[in-house]
Amino acid sequence: MNSGQMMLVVGAFTMLSILALSFNRTMFNSMTLGLEMEATLNAISIASSMMDEIMSKDFDEEVTGGRRAYEFTDVTLPANLGTDTGESISGTDSSYWNGSAFTDFASKLTFDDIDDYSGYTRQVRDPRLGIFTVLDSVHYCDETSPSTMLGTRTFFKQVTVYVSHPNLPKASMDDAESLPLIIRDLAIYRRFF
């Protein structure tokens, strides 16, 4: 082989290397985007299920069992939002199969009102992506500005569900941590009907 042919071979290998690197980068970005999309869809489903479970409960411990509240003083103090006596769940809640028996999340049977979910943590297992972590937050909020959390009692509670997973999108390419998916809803107590 003469030097001209050698240069052509080196040039061909260089172009092949550049093409291979470009193809690998494209495949990696495509795979990353696919995992982010799948994790986001699963997180939305998990958060929506969690929110549905929370919103199906009574507004407050003081109005369970058919009792009514007519004044703000008739509902739970902000400092007491959370689980009530006998309603606590130790550790992180999860559902699982034990042989042929399915054990559902303990919160579904243990909690009877919305604010029991304040500070509640759950792990949801996905067969493909692994574990999603769910954290709930419940606060009293302002009637005219529901995003404003209050330290006083009202007939409005803001419920926030955070779902985190390593494959959720990141704020930037340099970030190591993914952003949690956050959904919010407003629980309103209708005292006169």
Protein backbone atom coordinates (compact mmCIF):
# COMPACT_ATOMS: atom_id res chain seq x y z
CA MET A 1 0.00 0.00 0.00
CA ASN A 2 1.32 3.39 -0.85
CA SER A 3 0.87 6.50 1.29
CA GLY A 4 -2.09 7.77 -0.78
CA GLN A 5 -4.04 4.61 -0.21
CA MET A 6 -3.09 4.64 3.47
CA MET A 7 -4.49 8.19 3.78
CA LEU A 8 -7.76 7.07 2.18
CA VAL A 9 -8.04 4.15 4.63
CA VAL A 10 -7.33 6.43 7.62
CA GLY A 11 -9.89 8.94 6.30
CA ALA A 12 -12.47 6.18 5.85
CA PHE A 13 -11.92 4.94 9.41
CA THR A 14 -12.18 8.49 10.73
CA MET A 15 -15.49 9.03 8.95
CA LEU A 16 -16.75 5.64 10.15
CA SER A 17 -15.79 6.54 13.74
CA ILE A 18 -17.56 9.89 13.52
CA LEU A 19 -20.65 8.21 12.06
CA ALA A 20 -20.61 5.53 14.79
CA LEU A 21 -20.29 8.14 17.55
CA SER A 22 -23.10 10.21 16.06
CA PHE A 23 -25.33 7.13 15.77
CA ASN A 24 -24.57 6.11 19.39
CA ARG A 25 -25.31 9.63 20.66
CA THR A 26 -28.62 9.67 18.76
CA MET A 27 -29.59 6.23 20.09
CA PHE A 28 -28.64 7.22 23.66
CA ASN A 29 -30.65 10.46 23.48
CA SER A 30 -33.61 8.59 21.99
CA MET A 31 -33.47 5.93 24.71
CA THR A 32 -33.19 8.60 27.42
CA LEU A 33 -36.16 10.50 26.01
CA GLY A 34 -38.19 7.27 25.82
CA LEU A 35 -37.46 6.41 29.46
CA GLU A 36 -38.30 9.95 30.56
CA MET A 37 -41.61 9.80 28.69
CA GLU A 38 -42.49 6.40 30.11
CA ALA A 39 -41.54 7.48 33.65
CA THR A 40 -43.58 10.68 33.26
CA LEU A 41 -46.67 8.81 32.08
CA ASN A 42 -46.36 6.31 34.93
CA ALA A 43 -45.81 9.13 37.44
CA ILE A 44 -48.93 10.95 36.18
CA SER A 45 -50.95 7.75 36.59
CA ILE A 46 -49.57 7.11 40.08
CA ALA A 47 -50.15 10.72 41.18
CA SER A 48 -53.70 10.71 39.80
CA SER A 49 -54.52 7.45 41.60
CA MET A 50 -53.10 8.86 44.82
CA MET A 51 -55.11 12.07 44.44
CA ASP A 52 -58.30 10.09 43.72
CA GLU A 53 -57.74 8.06 46.88
CA ILE A 54 -57.19 11.17 48.99
CA MET A 55 -60.12 13.12 47.60
CA SER A 56 -62.50 10.19 48.22
CA LYS A 57 -62.04 10.62 51.99
CA ASP A 58 -63.94 12.95 54.33
CA PHE A 59 -62.74 16.56 54.53
CA ASP A 60 -61.68 16.43 58.19
CA GLU A 61 -61.61 14.09 61.19
CA GLU A 62 -64.20 16.30 62.87
CA VAL A 63 -66.73 15.67 60.07
CA THR A 64 -66.40 11.89 59.73
CA GLY A 65 -69.32 9.66 60.61
CA GLY A 66 -71.96 12.17 59.52
CA ARG A 67 -70.87 14.98 61.87
CA ARG A 68 -71.06 18.55 60.53
CA ALA A 69 -68.86 21.64 60.92
CA TYR A 70 -70.38 25.12 60.70
CA GLU A 71 -67.49 27.30 61.87
CA PHE A 72 -63.75 27.21 61.22
CA THR A 73 -63.28 26.29 64.89
CA ASP A 74 -65.16 23.03 64.21
CA VAL A 75 -62.31 21.55 62.10
CA THR A 76 -58.84 20.29 63.02
CA LEU A 77 -56.14 22.76 64.07
CA PRO A 78 -53.40 23.27 61.44
CA ALA A 79 -50.77 21.92 63.84
CA ASN A 80 -52.77 18.67 64.16
CA LEU A 81 -53.09 17.90 60.44
CA GLY A 82 -51.82 14.39 59.82
CA THR A 83 -52.66 10.98 61.16
CA ASP A 84 -54.92 10.64 64.16
CA THR A 85 -54.62 8.22 67.07
CA GLY A 86 -54.72 4.65 65.78
CA GLU A 87 -54.31 5.69 62.15
CA SER A 88 -50.55 5.71 61.77
CA ILE A 89 -48.66 3.57 59.27
CA SER A 90 -45.12 2.68 60.26
CA GLY A 91 -42.48 3.13 57.58
CA THR A 92 -43.14 3.55 53.90
CA ASP A 93 -46.40 2.06 52.66
CA SER A 94 -46.35 -0.31 49.68
CA SER A 95 -48.52 -2.98 48.09
CA TYR A 96 -47.19 -6.45 47.38
CA TRP A 97 -47.99 -10.05 46.56
CA ASN A 98 -47.44 -12.60 49.32
CA GLY A 99 -47.71 -15.92 47.52
CA SER A 100 -51.18 -15.84 46.00
CA ALA A 101 -52.51 -13.09 48.31
CA PHE A 102 -52.33 -9.40 47.40
CA THR A 103 -51.77 -6.86 50.17
CA ASP A 104 -52.97 -3.39 49.16
CA PHE A 105 -51.73 -0.06 50.48
CA ALA A 106 -52.55 0.25 54.19
CA SER A 107 -53.66 3.87 53.73
CA LYS A 108 -56.79 2.79 51.86
CA LEU A 109 -58.22 1.13 54.98
CA THR A 110 -56.44 3.06 57.73
CA PHE A 111 -57.07 6.70 56.75
CA ASP A 112 -60.57 8.17 56.96
CA ASP A 113 -60.02 11.87 56.18
CA ILE A 114 -57.93 14.02 53.84
CA ASP A 115 -55.43 15.42 56.29
CA ASP A 116 -54.38 11.92 57.41
CA TYR A 117 -52.32 11.95 54.20
CA SER A 118 -50.22 14.95 55.27
CA GLY A 119 -46.63 13.67 55.30
CA TYR A 120 -47.66 10.23 54.03
CA THR A 121 -45.06 8.35 51.94
CA ARG A 122 -45.72 5.47 49.59
CA GLN A 123 -43.58 3.35 47.26
CA VAL A 124 -45.15 2.10 44.05
CA ARG A 125 -43.36 -0.67 42.17
CA ASP A 126 -43.36 -0.69 38.40
CA PRO A 127 -42.23 -3.97 36.79
CA ARG A 128 -40.22 -2.15 34.13
CA LEU A 129 -38.93 1.04 35.78
CA GLY A 130 -38.65 0.05 39.44
CA ILE A 131 -39.79 2.08 42.43
CA PHE A 132 -41.66 5.40 42.30
CA THR A 133 -41.75 7.34 45.58
CA VAL A 134 -44.90 9.29 46.47
CA LEU A 135 -45.08 12.02 49.12
CA ASP A 136 -48.29 13.83 50.09
CA SER A 137 -48.80 17.24 51.64
CA VAL A 138 -52.04 18.77 53.00
CA HIS A 139 -52.41 22.40 54.18
CA TYR A 140 -55.19 24.84 54.84
CA CYS A 141 -55.30 27.48 52.13
CA ASP A 142 -56.89 30.82 51.36
CA GLU A 143 -60.32 30.78 49.72
CA THR A 144 -59.52 33.56 47.24
CA SER A 145 -55.92 32.46 46.59
CA PRO A 146 -55.71 28.65 46.93
CA SER A 147 -51.94 28.61 46.35
CA THR A 148 -51.47 30.61 49.59
CA MET A 149 -51.01 28.23 52.53
CA LEU A 150 -52.40 29.42 55.85
CA GLY A 151 -51.61 28.68 59.46
CA THR A 152 -55.28 29.09 60.39
CA ARG A 153 -58.34 26.91 59.85
CA THR A 154 -60.52 27.32 56.76
CA PHE A 155 -62.90 25.15 54.78
CA PHE A 156 -60.27 24.80 52.02
CA LYS A 157 -57.34 22.37 51.99
CA GLN A 158 -54.67 22.24 49.31
CA VAL A 159 -53.60 18.66 48.59
CA THR A 160 -50.22 18.19 46.88
CA VAL A 161 -48.85 14.89 45.58
CA TYR A 162 -45.15 14.61 44.71
CA VAL A 163 -43.94 11.61 42.67
CA SER A 164 -40.22 11.07 42.18
CA HIS A 165 -38.21 8.60 40.13
CA PRO A 166 -34.66 8.69 38.73
CA ASN A 167 -35.91 8.55 35.11
CA LEU A 168 -38.16 11.62 35.35
CA PRO A 169 -36.84 14.62 33.38
CA LYS A 170 -34.09 16.75 34.87
CA ALA A 171 -34.03 20.55 35.04
CA SER A 172 -30.93 20.60 32.84
CA MET A 173 -28.52 18.13 31.27
CA ASP A 174 -25.98 18.83 34.03
CA ASP A 175 -28.35 17.98 36.89
CA ALA A 176 -27.95 14.62 38.56
CA GLU A 177 -31.36 14.71 40.25
CA SER A 178 -34.62 14.44 38.37
CA LEU A 179 -37.51 16.81 39.06
CA PRO A 180 -40.52 15.37 40.91
CA LEU A 181 -43.88 15.34 39.19
CA ILE A 182 -46.26 17.51 41.23
CA ILE A 183 -50.05 17.67 41.07
CA ARG A 184 -52.34 19.73 43.28
CA ASP A 185 -56.05 19.77 44.02
CA LEU A 186 -58.32 21.72 46.29
CA ALA A 187 -60.57 20.04 48.86
CA ILE A 188 -63.55 22.18 49.83
CA TYR A 189 -65.91 21.53 52.72
CA ARG A 190 -69.50 22.45 51.93
CA ARG A 191 -70.98 23.08 55.34
CA PHE A 192 -74.59 23.75 54.43
CA PHE A 193 -75.40 20.71 52.28
